[in-house]
């Protein structure tokens, strides 16, 4: 589009880099959330087993 054509190459590069970093951060955050959920499930099982 003309908006992208109007941007200087350095500005366009910075926008792409920022987008990639944000995407990577989102993926890492989601993975940490999954790991935390798995750890909490394991902890719940341990606590349940200790009660029995």
PDB file of N, CA and C in Angstrom:
ATOM      1  N   UNK A   1       0.837  -1.187   0.000  1.00  0.00           N
ATOM      2  CA  UNK A   1       0.000   0.000   0.000  1.00  0.00           C
ATOM      3  C   UNK A   1       0.877   1.244   0.000  1.00  0.00           C
ATOM      4  N   UNK A   2       0.275   2.364  -0.308  1.00  0.00           N
ATOM      5  CA  UNK A   2       1.064   3.603  -0.379  1.00  0.00           C
ATOM      6  C   UNK A   2       1.590   4.001   0.986  1.00  0.00           C
ATOM      7  N   UNK A   3       0.872   3.623   2.063  1.00  0.00           N
ATOM      8  CA  UNK A   3       1.348   3.971   3.402  1.00  0.00           C
ATOM      9  C   UNK A   3       2.703   3.313   3.677  1.00  0.00           C
ATOM     10  N   UNK A   4       2.817   2.041   3.304  1.00  0.00           N
ATOM     11  CA  UNK A   4       4.091   1.341   3.496  1.00  0.00           C
ATOM     12  C   UNK A   4       5.164   1.900   2.577  1.00  0.00           C
ATOM     13  N   UNK A   5       4.783   2.255   1.361  1.00  0.00           N
ATOM     14  CA  UNK A   5       5.742   2.830   0.421  1.00  0.00           C
ATOM     15  C   UNK A   5       6.279   4.167   0.925  1.00  0.00           C
ATOM     16  N   UNK A   6       5.465   4.891   1.692  1.00  0.00           N
ATOM     17  CA  UNK A   6       5.868   6.207   2.184  1.00  0.00           C
ATOM     18  C   UNK A   6       6.831   6.118   3.368  1.00  0.00           C
ATOM     19  N   UNK A   7       6.895   4.957   4.003  1.00  0.00           N
ATOM     20  CA  UNK A   7       7.778   4.809   5.163  1.00  0.00           C
ATOM     21  C   UNK A   7       9.226   4.677   4.721  1.00  0.00           C
ATOM     22  N   UNK A   8      10.092   5.212   5.532  1.00  0.00           N
ATOM     23  CA  UNK A   8      11.518   5.035   5.270  1.00  0.00           C
ATOM     24  C   UNK A   8      11.879   3.585   5.586  1.00  0.00           C
ATOM     25  N   UNK A   9      12.864   3.023   4.893  1.00  0.00           N
ATOM     26  CA  UNK A   9      13.235   1.625   5.132  1.00  0.00           C
ATOM     27  C   UNK A   9      13.548   1.325   6.603  1.00  0.00           C
ATOM     28  N   UNK A  10      14.238   2.238   7.271  1.00  0.00           N
ATOM     29  CA  UNK A  10      14.595   2.010   8.674  1.00  0.00           C
ATOM     30  C   UNK A  10      13.338   1.939   9.543  1.00  0.00           C
ATOM     31  N   UNK A  11      12.372   2.807   9.267  1.00  0.00           N
ATOM     32  CA  UNK A  11      11.121   2.804  10.024  1.00  0.00           C
ATOM     33  C   UNK A  11      10.369   1.503   9.787  1.00  0.00           C
ATOM     34  N   UNK A  12      10.309   1.075   8.547  1.00  0.00           N
ATOM     35  CA  UNK A  12       9.645  -0.180   8.211  1.00  0.00           C
ATOM     36  C   UNK A  12      10.344  -1.353   8.896  1.00  0.00           C
ATOM     37  N   UNK A  13      11.658  -1.353   8.868  1.00  0.00           N
ATOM     38  CA  UNK A  13      12.429  -2.402   9.536  1.00  0.00           C
ATOM     39  C   UNK A  13      12.132  -2.431  11.024  1.00  0.00           C
ATOM     40  N   UNK A  14      12.090  -1.268  11.654  1.00  0.00           N
ATOM     41  CA  UNK A  14      11.807  -1.203  13.090  1.00  0.00           C
ATOM     42  C   UNK A  14      10.410  -1.716  13.413  1.00  0.00           C
ATOM     43  N   UNK A  15       9.441  -1.407  12.561  1.00  0.00           N
ATOM     44  CA  UNK A  15       8.078  -1.903  12.771  1.00  0.00           C
ATOM     45  C   UNK A  15       8.026  -3.426  12.683  1.00  0.00           C
ATOM     46  N   UNK A  16       8.735  -3.976  11.714  1.00  0.00           N
ATOM     47  CA  UNK A  16       8.777  -5.432  11.557  1.00  0.00           C
ATOM     48  C   UNK A  16       9.447  -6.074  12.762  1.00  0.00           C
ATOM     49  N   UNK A  17      10.563  -5.525  13.193  1.00  0.00           N
ATOM     50  CA  UNK A  17      11.277  -6.064  14.353  1.00  0.00           C
ATOM     51  C   UNK A  17      10.385  -6.024  15.587  1.00  0.00           C
ATOM     52  N   UNK A  18       9.698  -4.912  15.793  1.00  0.00           N
ATOM     53  CA  UNK A  18       8.801  -4.783  16.948  1.00  0.00           C
ATOM     54  C   UNK A  18       7.687  -5.829  16.896  1.00  0.00           C
ATOM     55  N   UNK A  19       7.130  -6.042  15.714  1.00  0.00           N
ATOM     56  CA  UNK A  19       6.055  -7.026  15.549  1.00  0.00           C
ATOM     57  C   UNK A  19       6.565  -8.432  15.853  1.00  0.00           C
ATOM     58  N   UNK A  20       7.754  -8.767  15.370  1.00  0.00           N
ATOM     59  CA  UNK A  20       8.335 -10.090  15.615  1.00  0.00           C
ATOM     60  C   UNK A  20       8.604 -10.287  17.106  1.00  0.00           C
ATOM     61  N   UNK A  21       9.151  -9.275  17.762  1.00  0.00           N
ATOM     62  CA  UNK A  21       9.437  -9.369  19.195  1.00  0.00           C
ATOM     63  C   UNK A  21       8.146  -9.571  19.978  1.00  0.00           C
ATOM     64  N   UNK A  22       7.114  -8.800  19.648  1.00  0.00           N
ATOM     65  CA  UNK A  22       5.838  -8.939  20.348  1.00  0.00           C
ATOM     66  C   UNK A  22       5.234 -10.318  20.132  1.00  0.00           C
ATOM     67  N   UNK A  23       5.333 -10.832  18.914  1.00  0.00           N
ATOM     68  CA  UNK A  23       4.805 -12.168  18.614  1.00  0.00           C
ATOM     69  C   UNK A  23       5.557 -13.226  19.413  1.00  0.00           C
ATOM     70  N   UNK A  24       6.876 -13.106  19.452  1.00  0.00           N
ATOM     71  CA  UNK A  24       7.689 -14.056  20.212  1.00  0.00           C
ATOM     72  C   UNK A  24       7.344 -13.984  21.694  1.00  0.00           C
ATOM     73  N   UNK A  25       7.177 -12.769  22.217  1.00  0.00           N
ATOM     74  CA  UNK A  25       6.807 -12.612  23.621  1.00  0.00           C
ATOM     75  C   UNK A  25       5.457 -13.257  23.910  1.00  0.00           C
ATOM     76  N   UNK A  26       4.505 -13.111  22.985  1.00  0.00           N
ATOM     77  CA  UNK A  26       3.187 -13.730  23.162  1.00  0.00           C
ATOM     78  C   UNK A  26       3.304 -15.247  23.210  1.00  0.00           C
ATOM     79  N   UNK A  27       4.131 -15.805  22.335  1.00  0.00           N
ATOM     80  CA  UNK A  27       4.325 -17.256  22.306  1.00  0.00           C
ATOM     81  C   UNK A  27       4.979 -17.726  23.601  1.00  0.00           C
ATOM     82  N   UNK A  28       6.015 -17.007  24.054  1.00  0.00           N
ATOM     83  CA  UNK A  28       6.684 -17.385  25.294  1.00  0.00           C
ATOM     84  C   UNK A  28       5.743 -17.277  26.484  1.00  0.00           C
ATOM     85  N   UNK A  29       4.910 -16.240  26.516  1.00  0.00           N
ATOM     86  CA  UNK A  29       3.948 -16.068  27.604  1.00  0.00           C
ATOM     87  C   UNK A  29       2.949 -17.227  27.619  1.00  0.00           C
ATOM     88  N   UNK A  30       2.445 -17.586  26.451  1.00  0.00           N
ATOM     89  CA  UNK A  30       1.490 -18.693  26.357  1.00  0.00           C
ATOM     90  C   UNK A  30       2.136 -19.992  26.824  1.00  0.00           C
ATOM     91  N   UNK A  31       3.391 -20.215  26.459  1.00  0.00           N
ATOM     92  CA  UNK A  31       4.097 -21.431  26.891  1.00  0.00           C
ATOM     93  C   UNK A  31       4.283 -21.434  28.406  1.00  0.00           C
ATOM     94  N   UNK A  32       4.628 -20.284  28.989  1.00  0.00           N
ATOM     95  CA  UNK A  32       4.765 -20.204  30.449  1.00  0.00           C
ATOM     96  C   UNK A  32       3.435 -20.477  31.135  1.00  0.00           C
ATOM     97  N   UNK A  33       2.356 -19.968  30.563  1.00  0.00           N
ATOM     98  CA  UNK A  33       1.023 -20.207  31.128  1.00  0.00           C
ATOM     99  C   UNK A  33       0.673 -21.694  31.074  1.00  0.00           C
ATOM    100  N   UNK A  34       0.981 -22.359  29.963  1.00  0.00           N
ATOM    101  CA  UNK A  34       0.731 -23.801  29.850  1.00  0.00           C
ATOM    102  C   UNK A  34       1.549 -24.571  30.876  1.00  0.00           C
ATOM    103  N   UNK A  35       2.814 -24.199  31.021  1.00  0.00           N
ATOM    104  CA  UNK A  35       3.680 -24.880  31.977  1.00  0.00           C
ATOM    105  C   UNK A  35       3.178 -24.675  33.396  1.00  0.00           C
ATOM    106  N   UNK A  36       2.751 -23.465  33.715  1.00  0.00           N
ATOM    107  CA  UNK A  36       2.218 -23.183  35.042  1.00  0.00           C
ATOM    108  C   UNK A  36       0.965 -24.013  35.300  1.00  0.00           C
ATOM    109  N   UNK A  37       0.086 -24.109  34.316  1.00  0.00           N
ATOM    110  CA  UNK A  37      -1.128 -24.917  34.466  1.00  0.00           C
ATOM    111  C   UNK A  37      -0.770 -26.382  34.699  1.00  0.00           C
ATOM    112  N   UNK A  38       0.216 -26.895  33.965  1.00  0.00           N
ATOM    113  CA  UNK A  38       0.660 -28.280  34.162  1.00  0.00           C
ATOM    114  C   UNK A  38       1.239 -28.475  35.556  1.00  0.00           C
ATOM    115  N   UNK A  39       2.049 -27.521  35.999  1.00  0.00           N
ATOM    116  CA  UNK A  39       2.642 -27.616  37.332  1.00  0.00           C
ATOM    117  C   UNK A  39       1.573 -27.579  38.415  1.00  0.00           C
ATOM    118  N   UNK A  40       0.561 -26.731  38.235  1.00  0.00           N
ATOM    119  CA  UNK A  40      -0.519 -26.649  39.220  1.00  0.00           C
ATOM    120  C   UNK A  40      -1.309 -27.958  39.270  1.00  0.00           C
ATOM    121  N   UNK A  41      -1.517 -28.582  38.115  1.00  0.00           N
ATOM    122  CA  UNK A  41      -2.211 -29.870  38.068  1.00  0.00           C
ATOM    123  C   UNK A  41      -1.406 -30.927  38.814  1.00  0.00           C
ATOM    124  N   UNK A  42      -0.104 -30.956  38.592  1.00  0.00           N
ATOM    125  CA  UNK A  42       0.757 -31.910  39.303  1.00  0.00           C
ATOM    126  C   UNK A  42       0.713 -31.667  40.803  1.00  0.00           C
ATOM    127  N   UNK A  43       0.765 -30.406  41.198  1.00  0.00           N
ATOM    128  CA  UNK A  43       0.714 -30.062  42.615  1.00  0.00           C
ATOM    129  C   UNK A  43      -0.617 -30.490  43.226  1.00  0.00           C
ATOM    130  N   UNK A  44      -1.709 -30.272  42.520  1.00  0.00           N
ATOM    131  CA  UNK A  44      -3.023 -30.707  43.003  1.00  0.00           C
ATOM    132  C   UNK A  44      -3.056 -32.215  43.219  1.00  0.00           C
ATOM    133  N   UNK A  45      -2.473 -32.972  42.299  1.00  0.00           N
ATOM    134  CA  UNK A  45      -2.442 -34.433  42.433  1.00  0.00           C
ATOM    135  C   UNK A  45      -1.617 -34.849  43.641  1.00  0.00           C
ATOM    136  N   UNK A  46      -0.488 -34.183  43.852  1.00  0.00           N
ATOM    137  CA  UNK A  46       0.358 -34.495  45.009  1.00  0.00           C
ATOM    138  C   UNK A  46      -0.406 -34.224  46.295  1.00  0.00           C
ATOM    139  N   UNK A  47      -1.075 -33.078  46.365  1.00  0.00           N
ATOM    140  CA  UNK A  47      -1.833 -32.724  47.571  1.00  0.00           C
ATOM    141  C   UNK A  47      -2.962 -33.720  47.797  1.00  0.00           C
ATOM    142  N   UNK A  48      -3.652 -34.100  46.728  1.00  0.00           N
ATOM    143  CA  UNK A  48      -4.736 -35.079  46.846  1.00  0.00           C
ATOM    144  C   UNK A  48      -4.198 -36.405  47.361  1.00  0.00           C
ATOM    145  N   UNK A  49      -3.054 -36.834  46.855  1.00  0.00           N
ATOM    146  CA  UNK A  49      -2.456 -38.098  47.297  1.00  0.00           C
ATOM    147  C   UNK A  49      -2.012 -38.023  48.749  1.00  0.00           C
ATOM    148  N   UNK A  50      -1.562 -36.874  49.201  1.00  0.00           N
ATOM    149  CA  UNK A  50      -1.143 -36.724  50.591  1.00  0.00           C
ATOM    150  C   UNK A  50      -2.339 -36.797  51.538  1.00  0.00           C
ATOM    151  N   UNK A  51      -3.485 -36.355  51.071  1.00  0.00           N
ATOM    152  CA  UNK A  51      -4.693 -36.362  51.902  1.00  0.00           C
ATOM    153  C   UNK A  51      -5.267 -37.764  52.062  1.00  0.00           C
ATOM    154  N   UNK A  52      -4.941 -38.676  51.133  1.00  0.00           N
ATOM    155  CA  UNK A  52      -5.535 -40.015  51.190  1.00  0.00           C
ATOM    156  C   UNK A  52      -4.663 -40.992  51.919  1.00  0.00           C
TER     157      UNK A  52
END
